[in-house]
């Protein structure tokens, strides 16, 4: 059964860093595209970053370019999102998604950036 599980969220001060993980089971993450989305309270879901299935081509939302880095560890079947220089506007539930038309989703991990 296909499953994605996010971890690594928490409370961090502005300017701090977090590393999110998305562990995949039921399929190999290097065979499908994987992305990170986020949704803040009262706001629409927003795409954050995406990594291609084989050549590690990456895309980033303008709001996170230069601060966030997406990467993959094929041996662990896990995709990461390294988040640096965090801002209060980054506060959201972060989800990973994979597959054609983003068919598979995790349950999300909360990231809160606050003093």
N, C-alpha and C. Protein backbone atom coordinates (compact mmCIF):
# COMPACT_ATOMS: atom_id res chain seq x y z
N UNK A 1 0.85 -1.18 0.00
CA UNK A 1 0.00 0.00 0.00
C UNK A 1 0.89 1.24 0.00
N UNK A 2 0.58 2.19 -0.86
CA UNK A 2 1.36 3.42 -0.96
C UNK A 2 1.12 4.27 0.27
N UNK A 3 2.20 4.77 0.86
CA UNK A 3 2.09 5.61 2.04
C UNK A 3 3.23 6.63 2.06
N UNK A 4 2.91 7.86 2.45
CA UNK A 4 3.89 8.91 2.66
C UNK A 4 3.74 9.42 4.08
N UNK A 5 4.85 9.55 4.80
CA UNK A 5 4.82 9.99 6.18
C UNK A 5 5.81 11.13 6.36
N UNK A 6 5.29 12.30 6.75
CA UNK A 6 6.12 13.47 7.00
C UNK A 6 6.56 13.50 8.46
N UNK A 7 7.73 14.08 8.70
CA UNK A 7 8.21 14.29 10.05
C UNK A 7 9.18 15.47 10.05
N UNK A 8 9.52 15.95 11.23
CA UNK A 8 10.51 17.00 11.37
C UNK A 8 9.97 18.38 11.68
N UNK A 9 8.66 18.53 11.70
CA UNK A 9 8.08 19.82 12.02
C UNK A 9 8.22 20.16 13.48
N UNK A 10 7.90 21.39 13.82
CA UNK A 10 7.99 21.84 15.19
C UNK A 10 7.93 23.34 15.29
N UNK A 11 8.28 23.84 16.47
CA UNK A 11 8.30 25.27 16.76
C UNK A 11 9.72 25.79 16.65
N UNK A 12 9.91 26.87 15.90
CA UNK A 12 11.23 27.44 15.70
C UNK A 12 11.11 28.97 15.68
N UNK A 13 12.15 29.65 16.14
CA UNK A 13 12.15 31.10 16.13
C UNK A 13 12.45 31.64 14.73
N UNK A 14 12.00 32.85 14.42
CA UNK A 14 12.37 33.44 13.13
C UNK A 14 13.88 33.43 12.92
N UNK A 15 14.29 33.09 11.71
CA UNK A 15 15.69 32.96 11.39
C UNK A 15 16.26 31.58 11.62
N UNK A 16 15.50 30.71 12.25
CA UNK A 16 15.95 29.36 12.53
C UNK A 16 15.78 28.43 11.35
N UNK A 17 16.09 27.15 11.59
CA UNK A 17 16.06 26.15 10.54
C UNK A 17 15.34 24.89 11.00
N UNK A 18 14.75 24.19 10.06
CA UNK A 18 14.17 22.88 10.26
C UNK A 18 14.44 22.02 9.03
N UNK A 19 14.47 20.71 9.24
CA UNK A 19 14.60 19.77 8.14
C UNK A 19 13.43 18.80 8.18
N UNK A 20 12.58 18.86 7.16
CA UNK A 20 11.45 17.97 7.06
C UNK A 20 11.83 16.73 6.26
N UNK A 21 11.23 15.60 6.63
CA UNK A 21 11.45 14.35 5.93
C UNK A 21 10.12 13.78 5.44
N UNK A 22 10.15 13.15 4.29
CA UNK A 22 8.99 12.46 3.73
C UNK A 22 9.43 11.05 3.38
N UNK A 23 9.03 10.09 4.19
CA UNK A 23 9.39 8.69 3.98
C UNK A 23 8.30 8.00 3.16
N UNK A 24 8.70 7.35 2.09
CA UNK A 24 7.76 6.69 1.19
C UNK A 24 7.81 5.18 1.36
N UNK A 25 6.67 4.55 1.24
CA UNK A 25 6.58 3.09 1.22
C UNK A 25 5.55 2.68 0.18
N UNK A 26 5.70 1.48 -0.34
CA UNK A 26 4.80 1.01 -1.38
C UNK A 26 5.23 1.39 -2.78
N UNK A 27 6.21 2.26 -2.91
CA UNK A 27 6.78 2.65 -4.18
C UNK A 27 8.14 3.26 -3.92
N UNK A 28 8.93 3.42 -4.97
CA UNK A 28 10.25 4.04 -4.86
C UNK A 28 10.14 5.50 -5.23
N UNK A 29 10.59 6.37 -4.34
CA UNK A 29 10.45 7.79 -4.57
C UNK A 29 11.28 8.27 -5.75
N UNK A 30 12.31 7.53 -6.13
CA UNK A 30 13.11 7.93 -7.29
C UNK A 30 12.45 7.58 -8.61
N UNK A 31 11.30 6.94 -8.58
CA UNK A 31 10.58 6.60 -9.80
C UNK A 31 9.39 7.52 -10.06
N UNK A 32 9.11 8.42 -9.14
CA UNK A 32 8.02 9.38 -9.31
C UNK A 32 8.49 10.74 -8.84
N UNK A 33 7.83 11.78 -9.35
CA UNK A 33 8.08 13.12 -8.85
C UNK A 33 7.52 13.26 -7.44
N UNK A 34 8.19 14.04 -6.62
CA UNK A 34 7.75 14.28 -5.25
C UNK A 34 7.79 15.77 -4.98
N UNK A 35 6.81 16.25 -4.25
CA UNK A 35 6.69 17.68 -3.99
C UNK A 35 6.33 17.93 -2.54
N UNK A 36 6.62 19.15 -2.10
CA UNK A 36 6.17 19.66 -0.81
C UNK A 36 5.15 20.76 -1.05
N UNK A 37 4.04 20.68 -0.32
CA UNK A 37 3.02 21.71 -0.29
C UNK A 37 2.86 22.19 1.14
N UNK A 38 2.22 23.33 1.30
CA UNK A 38 1.91 23.81 2.65
C UNK A 38 0.57 24.52 2.63
N UNK A 39 -0.07 24.55 3.80
CA UNK A 39 -1.34 25.23 3.94
C UNK A 39 -1.39 25.89 5.31
N UNK A 40 -1.51 27.20 5.30
CA UNK A 40 -1.65 27.98 6.52
C UNK A 40 -3.12 28.13 6.87
N UNK A 41 -3.43 28.36 8.15
CA UNK A 41 -4.84 28.52 8.54
C UNK A 41 -5.53 29.61 7.73
N UNK A 42 -6.69 29.29 7.18
CA UNK A 42 -7.46 30.25 6.42
C UNK A 42 -6.94 30.57 5.05
N UNK A 43 -5.91 29.86 4.59
CA UNK A 43 -5.32 30.13 3.29
C UNK A 43 -5.36 28.88 2.42
N UNK A 44 -5.23 29.09 1.12
CA UNK A 44 -5.25 27.98 0.17
C UNK A 44 -3.93 27.22 0.21
N UNK A 45 -3.99 25.98 -0.23
CA UNK A 45 -2.79 25.18 -0.36
C UNK A 45 -1.82 25.82 -1.34
N UNK A 46 -0.54 25.78 -1.00
CA UNK A 46 0.50 26.41 -1.80
C UNK A 46 1.60 25.41 -2.11
N UNK A 47 1.99 25.33 -3.37
CA UNK A 47 3.13 24.52 -3.74
C UNK A 47 4.42 25.17 -3.26
N UNK A 48 5.32 24.38 -2.69
CA UNK A 48 6.58 24.89 -2.13
C UNK A 48 7.77 24.49 -2.99
N UNK A 49 7.88 23.19 -3.29
CA UNK A 49 9.04 22.70 -4.02
C UNK A 49 8.73 21.34 -4.62
N UNK A 50 9.46 20.99 -5.67
CA UNK A 50 9.26 19.72 -6.36
C UNK A 50 10.60 19.20 -6.85
N UNK A 51 10.77 17.88 -6.84
CA UNK A 51 11.97 17.25 -7.37
C UNK A 51 11.55 16.15 -8.34
N UNK A 52 12.21 16.09 -9.49
CA UNK A 52 11.85 15.13 -10.52
C UNK A 52 12.21 13.72 -10.11
N UNK A 53 11.69 12.75 -10.85
CA UNK A 53 11.81 11.36 -10.41
C UNK A 53 13.18 10.76 -10.63
N UNK A 54 13.97 11.28 -11.59
CA UNK A 54 15.25 10.65 -11.89
C UNK A 54 16.44 11.59 -11.91
N UNK A 55 16.30 12.73 -12.55
CA UNK A 55 17.47 13.59 -12.75
C UNK A 55 17.63 14.67 -11.68
N UNK A 56 16.79 14.66 -10.67
CA UNK A 56 16.88 15.58 -9.53
C UNK A 56 16.71 17.05 -9.92
N UNK A 57 16.05 17.29 -11.04
CA UNK A 57 15.66 18.66 -11.36
C UNK A 57 14.71 19.18 -10.29
N UNK A 58 14.93 20.40 -9.84
CA UNK A 58 14.13 20.96 -8.74
C UNK A 58 13.46 22.25 -9.14
N UNK A 59 12.33 22.53 -8.49
CA UNK A 59 11.59 23.76 -8.66
C UNK A 59 11.24 24.30 -7.28
N UNK A 60 11.16 25.63 -7.17
CA UNK A 60 10.84 26.27 -5.90
C UNK A 60 9.88 27.42 -6.12
N UNK A 61 8.98 27.59 -5.17
CA UNK A 61 8.15 28.79 -5.16
C UNK A 61 9.04 30.01 -4.92
N UNK A 62 8.66 31.14 -5.51
CA UNK A 62 9.45 32.35 -5.34
C UNK A 62 9.62 32.72 -3.87
N UNK A 63 8.63 32.42 -3.06
CA UNK A 63 8.67 32.81 -1.66
C UNK A 63 9.72 32.07 -0.84
N UNK A 64 10.23 30.94 -1.36
CA UNK A 64 11.20 30.15 -0.60
C UNK A 64 12.54 30.01 -1.31
N UNK A 65 12.68 30.51 -2.51
CA UNK A 65 13.94 30.40 -3.24
C UNK A 65 15.09 31.01 -2.44
N UNK A 66 16.20 30.29 -2.40
CA UNK A 66 17.36 30.74 -1.66
C UNK A 66 17.34 30.38 -0.20
N UNK A 67 16.20 29.93 0.31
CA UNK A 67 16.07 29.56 1.73
C UNK A 67 15.81 28.07 1.92
N UNK A 68 15.05 27.46 1.02
CA UNK A 68 14.68 26.05 1.14
C UNK A 68 15.42 25.23 0.09
N UNK A 69 15.73 23.98 0.43
CA UNK A 69 16.37 23.06 -0.49
C UNK A 69 15.69 21.70 -0.41
N UNK A 70 15.24 21.19 -1.55
CA UNK A 70 14.66 19.85 -1.61
C UNK A 70 15.73 18.88 -2.07
N UNK A 71 15.72 17.67 -1.52
CA UNK A 71 16.70 16.65 -1.89
C UNK A 71 16.11 15.27 -1.67
N UNK A 72 16.80 14.26 -2.17
CA UNK A 72 16.32 12.88 -2.09
C UNK A 72 17.45 11.96 -1.69
N UNK A 73 17.14 10.99 -0.84
CA UNK A 73 18.05 9.91 -0.50
C UNK A 73 17.41 8.63 -1.00
N UNK A 74 17.89 8.13 -2.14
CA UNK A 74 17.26 6.97 -2.75
C UNK A 74 17.39 5.72 -1.88
N UNK A 75 18.50 5.57 -1.18
CA UNK A 75 18.70 4.39 -0.34
C UNK A 75 17.68 4.33 0.79
N UNK A 76 17.26 5.48 1.28
CA UNK A 76 16.27 5.55 2.36
C UNK A 76 14.85 5.77 1.86
N UNK A 77 14.70 5.93 0.55
CA UNK A 77 13.39 6.19 -0.05
C UNK A 77 12.71 7.38 0.63
N UNK A 78 13.48 8.44 0.82
CA UNK A 78 13.03 9.60 1.57
C UNK A 78 13.39 10.88 0.83
N UNK A 79 12.47 11.84 0.86
CA UNK A 79 12.70 13.17 0.32
C UNK A 79 12.73 14.15 1.48
N UNK A 80 13.63 15.13 1.41
CA UNK A 80 13.82 16.09 2.48
C UNK A 80 13.52 17.51 2.00
N UNK A 81 13.19 18.35 2.95
CA UNK A 81 13.08 19.78 2.70
C UNK A 81 13.85 20.49 3.81
N UNK A 82 15.02 21.01 3.46
CA UNK A 82 15.82 21.80 4.39
C UNK A 82 15.33 23.24 4.33
N UNK A 83 14.90 23.77 5.46
CA UNK A 83 14.32 25.11 5.53
C UNK A 83 15.21 25.98 6.41
N UNK A 84 15.78 27.01 5.83
CA UNK A 84 16.64 27.95 6.55
C UNK A 84 16.02 29.33 6.54
N UNK A 85 16.51 30.19 7.42
CA UNK A 85 16.04 31.58 7.51
C UNK A 85 14.52 31.64 7.56
N UNK A 86 13.94 30.84 8.43
CA UNK A 86 12.49 30.73 8.49
C UNK A 86 11.84 32.04 8.95
N UNK A 87 10.68 32.30 8.38
CA UNK A 87 9.90 33.50 8.66
C UNK A 87 8.55 33.11 9.23
N UNK A 88 7.90 34.02 9.96
CA UNK A 88 6.54 33.71 10.45
C UNK A 88 5.58 33.31 9.33
N UNK A 89 5.75 33.87 8.13
CA UNK A 89 4.88 33.52 7.01
C UNK A 89 5.07 32.08 6.54
N UNK A 90 6.13 31.41 6.99
CA UNK A 90 6.33 30.01 6.66
C UNK A 90 5.49 29.09 7.54
N UNK A 91 4.84 29.62 8.55
CA UNK A 91 4.01 28.82 9.43
C UNK A 91 2.88 28.17 8.65
N UNK A 92 2.79 26.85 8.72
CA UNK A 92 1.79 26.10 7.96
C UNK A 92 1.92 24.63 8.30
N UNK A 93 0.95 23.84 7.86
CA UNK A 93 1.10 22.40 7.81
C UNK A 93 1.75 22.06 6.48
N UNK A 94 2.83 21.31 6.54
CA UNK A 94 3.58 20.94 5.35
C UNK A 94 3.26 19.49 4.98
N UNK A 95 2.95 19.28 3.71
CA UNK A 95 2.59 17.97 3.18
C UNK A 95 3.54 17.58 2.07
N UNK A 96 3.85 16.30 1.97
CA UNK A 96 4.52 15.81 0.77
C UNK A 96 3.50 15.08 -0.10
N UNK A 97 3.73 15.12 -1.40
CA UNK A 97 2.85 14.49 -2.37
C UNK A 97 3.70 13.88 -3.47
N UNK A 98 3.17 12.83 -4.09
CA UNK A 98 3.93 12.13 -5.12
C UNK A 98 3.00 11.51 -6.15
N UNK A 99 3.58 11.16 -7.29
CA UNK A 99 2.87 10.44 -8.33
C UNK A 99 2.17 11.34 -9.32
N UNK A 100 1.65 10.71 -10.36
CA UNK A 100 0.92 11.44 -11.38
C UNK A 100 -0.25 12.19 -10.76
N UNK A 101 -0.38 13.47 -11.12
CA UNK A 101 -1.44 14.32 -10.60
C UNK A 101 -1.45 14.38 -9.07
N UNK A 102 -0.30 14.16 -8.46
CA UNK A 102 -0.16 14.20 -6.99
C UNK A 102 -1.21 13.31 -6.33
N UNK A 103 -1.25 12.07 -6.74
CA UNK A 103 -2.27 11.14 -6.26
C UNK A 103 -2.06 10.71 -4.81
N UNK A 104 -0.82 10.77 -4.33
CA UNK A 104 -0.50 10.27 -3.00
C UNK A 104 -0.05 11.41 -2.11
N UNK A 105 -0.61 11.45 -0.90
CA UNK A 105 -0.34 12.53 0.06
C UNK A 105 -0.06 11.96 1.44
N UNK A 106 0.81 12.65 2.18
CA UNK A 106 1.00 12.34 3.57
C UNK A 106 -0.01 13.07 4.44
N UNK A 107 0.08 12.87 5.75
CA UNK A 107 -0.85 13.49 6.69
C UNK A 107 -0.43 14.88 7.13
N UNK A 108 0.79 15.26 6.85
CA UNK A 108 1.26 16.60 7.15
C UNK A 108 2.03 16.69 8.46
N UNK A 109 2.88 17.70 8.55
CA UNK A 109 3.62 18.01 9.77
C UNK A 109 3.57 19.51 10.00
N UNK A 110 3.30 19.91 11.24
CA UNK A 110 3.11 21.33 11.56
C UNK A 110 4.45 22.02 11.73
N UNK A 111 4.59 23.16 11.06
CA UNK A 111 5.75 24.04 11.24
C UNK A 111 5.23 25.38 11.75
N UNK A 112 5.73 25.80 12.89
CA UNK A 112 5.34 27.08 13.48
C UNK A 112 6.58 27.92 13.69
N UNK A 113 6.60 29.11 13.10
CA UNK A 113 7.72 30.04 13.22
C UNK A 113 7.23 31.24 14.02
N UNK A 114 7.73 31.37 15.24
CA UNK A 114 7.24 32.40 16.14
C UNK A 114 8.25 32.68 17.22
N UNK A 115 8.25 33.92 17.71
CA UNK A 115 9.07 34.29 18.85
C UNK A 115 8.43 33.89 20.16
